[in-house]
Amino acid sequence: MEPTQAFQSSFKAAGAALALFGAMAFGGAHAADVSNGKALSDSHNCAACHGPGLNKPVSGDYPKLAGQHATYIYWALRQYQIGNGNPNFGRNNAIMAAQVQNLSQSDLKDLAAYIQSLDGSLVLKK
């Protein structure tokens, strides 16, 4: 192969890789939908354990969720999905795993955005 052909082949491969990366970056973007998050919270009856406004859990064993950072909530829910009962791989709670098992990652982001939008009594200690 001539140097010019090698350069063109390399350039085409780099361009294809760049195009693929761009498609993945923009295709994976999801603007969270708070209203869908509320609908998911209602349909999955999150308040049954986490209390009214997701801020007054029915037991001290359940966390207050309202106002929690969306990124934290998303990854916690995602860990319940992928944990498969193995605490070394994800979060291990059969109730939560069952609640989120059939949700898409977009649904998890919507739910997390809704939870973050709620007024809560969480306090950041300094």
C-alpha atoms as a PDB file:
ATOM      1  CA  MET A   1       0.000   0.000   0.000  1.00  0.00           C
ATOM      2  CA  GLU A   2       1.316   3.407  -0.938  1.00  0.00           C
ATOM      3  CA  PRO A   3       1.821   6.033   1.804  1.00  0.00           C
ATOM      4  CA  THR A   4      -0.989   8.159   0.343  1.00  0.00           C
ATOM      5  CA  GLN A   5      -3.435   5.239   0.408  1.00  0.00           C
ATOM      6  CA  ALA A   6      -2.401   4.340   3.955  1.00  0.00           C
ATOM      7  CA  PHE A   7      -2.981   7.931   5.049  1.00  0.00           C
ATOM      8  CA  GLN A   8      -6.411   8.009   3.370  1.00  0.00           C
ATOM      9  CA  SER A   9      -7.387   4.704   4.986  1.00  0.00           C
ATOM     10  CA  SER A  10      -6.287   5.967   8.407  1.00  0.00           C
ATOM     11  CA  PHE A  11      -8.138   9.224   7.865  1.00  0.00           C
ATOM     12  CA  LYS A  12     -11.346   7.382   6.886  1.00  0.00           C
ATOM     13  CA  ALA A  13     -11.083   5.099   9.925  1.00  0.00           C
ATOM     14  CA  ALA A  14     -10.550   8.070  12.246  1.00  0.00           C
ATOM     15  CA  GLY A  15     -13.505   9.875  10.665  1.00  0.00           C
ATOM     16  CA  ALA A  16     -15.734   6.833  11.099  1.00  0.00           C
ATOM     17  CA  ALA A  17     -14.689   6.497  14.736  1.00  0.00           C
ATOM     18  CA  LEU A  18     -15.410  10.182  15.331  1.00  0.00           C
ATOM     19  CA  ALA A  19     -18.837   9.889  13.694  1.00  0.00           C
ATOM     20  CA  LEU A  20     -19.654   6.840  15.818  1.00  0.00           C
ATOM     21  CA  PHE A  21     -18.561   8.625  18.999  1.00  0.00           C
ATOM     22  CA  GLY A  22     -20.692  11.654  18.098  1.00  0.00           C
ATOM     23  CA  ALA A  23     -23.733   9.490  17.422  1.00  0.00           C
ATOM     24  CA  MET A  24     -23.306   7.698  20.741  1.00  0.00           C
ATOM     25  CA  ALA A  25     -22.839  10.939  22.668  1.00  0.00           C
ATOM     26  CA  PHE A  26     -25.923  12.615  21.225  1.00  0.00           C
ATOM     27  CA  GLY A  27     -28.027   9.466  20.924  1.00  0.00           C
ATOM     28  CA  GLY A  28     -27.527   8.681  24.600  1.00  0.00           C
ATOM     29  CA  ALA A  29     -28.603  12.132  25.746  1.00  0.00           C
ATOM     30  CA  HIS A  30     -31.909  12.264  27.532  1.00  0.00           C
ATOM     31  CA  ALA A  31     -33.555  15.344  28.941  1.00  0.00           C
ATOM     32  CA  ALA A  32     -35.264  14.102  32.073  1.00  0.00           C
ATOM     33  CA  ASP A  33     -39.052  14.437  32.152  1.00  0.00           C
ATOM     34  CA  VAL A  34     -40.198  15.333  35.676  1.00  0.00           C
ATOM     35  CA  SER A  35     -43.872  14.726  34.847  1.00  0.00           C
ATOM     36  CA  ASN A  36     -43.090  11.203  33.645  1.00  0.00           C
ATOM     37  CA  GLY A  37     -41.059  10.714  36.829  1.00  0.00           C
ATOM     38  CA  LYS A  38     -44.100  11.682  38.910  1.00  0.00           C
ATOM     39  CA  ALA A  39     -46.288   9.284  36.935  1.00  0.00           C
ATOM     40  CA  LEU A  40     -43.750   6.497  37.496  1.00  0.00           C
ATOM     41  CA  SER A  41     -43.549   7.290  41.214  1.00  0.00           C
ATOM     42  CA  ASP A  42     -47.331   7.147  41.463  1.00  0.00           C
ATOM     43  CA  SER A  43     -47.711   3.972  39.392  1.00  0.00           C
ATOM     44  CA  HIS A  44     -44.970   2.174  41.337  1.00  0.00           C
ATOM     45  CA  ASN A  45     -46.437   3.420  44.633  1.00  0.00           C
ATOM     46  CA  CYS A  46     -43.127   4.757  45.951  1.00  0.00           C
ATOM     47  CA  ALA A  47     -44.995   6.594  48.723  1.00  0.00           C
ATOM     48  CA  ALA A  48     -46.088   3.266  50.238  1.00  0.00           C
ATOM     49  CA  CYS A  49     -42.621   2.943  51.774  1.00  0.00           C
ATOM     50  CA  HIS A  50     -41.040   6.379  51.376  1.00  0.00           C
ATOM     51  CA  GLY A  51     -44.107   8.234  52.665  1.00  0.00           C
ATOM     52  CA  PRO A  52     -46.029  11.296  51.487  1.00  0.00           C
ATOM     53  CA  GLY A  53     -43.949  13.476  49.210  1.00  0.00           C
ATOM     54  CA  LEU A  54     -41.268  10.775  49.478  1.00  0.00           C
ATOM     55  CA  ASN A  55     -40.134  12.646  52.590  1.00  0.00           C
ATOM     56  CA  LYS A  56     -41.725  10.742  55.498  1.00  0.00           C
ATOM     57  CA  PRO A  57     -40.818   7.047  55.298  1.00  0.00           C
ATOM     58  CA  VAL A  58     -43.166   4.611  57.007  1.00  0.00           C
ATOM     59  CA  SER A  59     -40.157   3.017  58.734  1.00  0.00           C
ATOM     60  CA  GLY A  60     -36.726   4.173  59.770  1.00  0.00           C
ATOM     61  CA  ASP A  61     -35.406   1.432  57.507  1.00  0.00           C
ATOM     62  CA  TYR A  62     -36.480   3.388  54.416  1.00  0.00           C
ATOM     63  CA  PRO A  63     -34.690   6.568  53.304  1.00  0.00           C
ATOM     64  CA  LYS A  64     -36.119  10.013  52.761  1.00  0.00           C
ATOM     65  CA  LEU A  65     -35.829  10.639  49.043  1.00  0.00           C
ATOM     66  CA  ALA A  66     -37.324  14.093  48.390  1.00  0.00           C
ATOM     67  CA  GLY A  67     -34.707  16.593  47.281  1.00  0.00           C
ATOM     68  CA  GLN A  68     -31.936  14.012  46.887  1.00  0.00           C
ATOM     69  CA  HIS A  69     -29.536  14.612  43.986  1.00  0.00           C
ATOM     70  CA  ALA A  70     -30.841  13.096  40.751  1.00  0.00           C
ATOM     71  CA  THR A  71     -27.479  11.563  39.867  1.00  0.00           C
ATOM     72  CA  TYR A  72     -27.344   9.723  43.186  1.00  0.00           C
ATOM     73  CA  ILE A  73     -30.942   8.483  42.841  1.00  0.00           C
ATOM     74  CA  TYR A  74     -30.370   7.351  39.249  1.00  0.00           C
ATOM     75  CA  TRP A  75     -27.301   5.289  40.140  1.00  0.00           C
ATOM     76  CA  ALA A  76     -28.914   3.835  43.255  1.00  0.00           C
ATOM     77  CA  LEU A  77     -31.913   2.682  41.207  1.00  0.00           C
ATOM     78  CA  ARG A  78     -29.624   1.383  38.471  1.00  0.00           C
ATOM     79  CA  GLN A  79     -27.689  -0.638  41.058  1.00  0.00           C
ATOM     80  CA  TYR A  80     -30.938  -2.239  42.222  1.00  0.00           C
ATOM     81  CA  GLN A  81     -31.594  -3.238  38.611  1.00  0.00           C
ATOM     82  CA  ILE A  82     -28.214  -4.805  38.006  1.00  0.00           C
ATOM     83  CA  GLY A  83     -27.606  -6.213  41.486  1.00  0.00           C
ATOM     84  CA  ASN A  84     -29.464  -9.473  40.895  1.00  0.00           C
ATOM     85  CA  GLY A  85     -29.388 -10.107  44.638  1.00  0.00           C
ATOM     86  CA  ASN A  86     -25.590  -9.890  44.727  1.00  0.00           C
ATOM     87  CA  PRO A  87     -24.529  -7.035  47.064  1.00  0.00           C
ATOM     88  CA  ASN A  88     -20.999  -7.246  45.649  1.00  0.00           C
ATOM     89  CA  PHE A  89     -22.305  -6.261  42.228  1.00  0.00           C
ATOM     90  CA  GLY A  90     -25.138  -3.867  43.037  1.00  0.00           C
ATOM     91  CA  ARG A  91     -27.625  -3.017  45.723  1.00  0.00           C
ATOM     92  CA  ASN A  92     -29.369  -5.907  47.392  1.00  0.00           C
ATOM     93  CA  ASN A  93     -33.018  -5.267  48.256  1.00  0.00           C
ATOM     94  CA  ALA A  94     -35.638  -7.561  46.772  1.00  0.00           C
ATOM     95  CA  ILE A  95     -38.450  -5.004  47.036  1.00  0.00           C
ATOM     96  CA  MET A  96     -36.512  -2.265  45.259  1.00  0.00           C
ATOM     97  CA  ALA A  97     -35.101  -4.649  42.665  1.00  0.00           C
ATOM     98  CA  ALA A  98     -38.624  -5.753  41.765  1.00  0.00           C
ATOM     99  CA  GLN A  99     -39.871  -2.146  41.626  1.00  0.00           C
ATOM    100  CA  VAL A 100     -37.268  -0.977  39.119  1.00  0.00           C
ATOM    101  CA  GLN A 101     -36.552  -4.145  37.150  1.00  0.00           C
ATOM    102  CA  ASN A 102     -38.742  -3.255  34.168  1.00  0.00           C
ATOM    103  CA  LEU A 103     -37.863   0.453  33.990  1.00  0.00           C
ATOM    104  CA  SER A 104     -35.682   1.810  31.205  1.00  0.00           C
ATOM    105  CA  GLN A 105     -32.664   3.973  31.937  1.00  0.00           C
ATOM    106  CA  SER A 106     -34.679   6.952  30.645  1.00  0.00           C
ATOM    107  CA  ASP A 107     -37.428   6.089  33.135  1.00  0.00           C
ATOM    108  CA  LEU A 108     -34.840   5.986  35.924  1.00  0.00           C
ATOM    109  CA  LYS A 109     -33.561   9.433  34.913  1.00  0.00           C
ATOM    110  CA  ASP A 110     -37.126  10.783  34.855  1.00  0.00           C
ATOM    111  CA  LEU A 111     -37.851   9.322  38.280  1.00  0.00           C
ATOM    112  CA  ALA A 112     -34.596  10.723  39.647  1.00  0.00           C
ATOM    113  CA  ALA A 113     -35.372  14.195  38.266  1.00  0.00           C
ATOM    114  CA  TYR A 114     -38.819  14.089  39.861  1.00  0.00           C
ATOM    115  CA  ILE A 115     -37.394  13.073  43.234  1.00  0.00           C
ATOM    116  CA  GLN A 116     -34.810  15.854  43.075  1.00  0.00           C
ATOM    117  CA  SER A 117     -37.565  18.376  42.299  1.00  0.00           C
ATOM    118  CA  LEU A 118     -39.420  17.591  45.541  1.00  0.00           C
ATOM    119  CA  ASP A 119     -39.012  19.698  48.654  1.00  0.00           C
ATOM    120  CA  GLY A 120     -37.375  17.566  51.264  1.00  0.00           C
ATOM    121  CA  SER A 121     -35.875  17.768  54.695  1.00  0.00           C
ATOM    122  CA  LEU A 122     -32.483  16.387  53.733  1.00  0.00           C
ATOM    123  CA  VAL A 123     -29.687  18.468  55.208  1.00  0.00           C
ATOM    124  CA  LEU A 124     -26.109  18.635  54.033  1.00  0.00           C
ATOM    125  CA  LYS A 125     -23.825  18.656  57.049  1.00  0.00           C
ATOM    126  CA  LYS A 126     -20.713  20.778  56.778  1.00  0.00           C
END
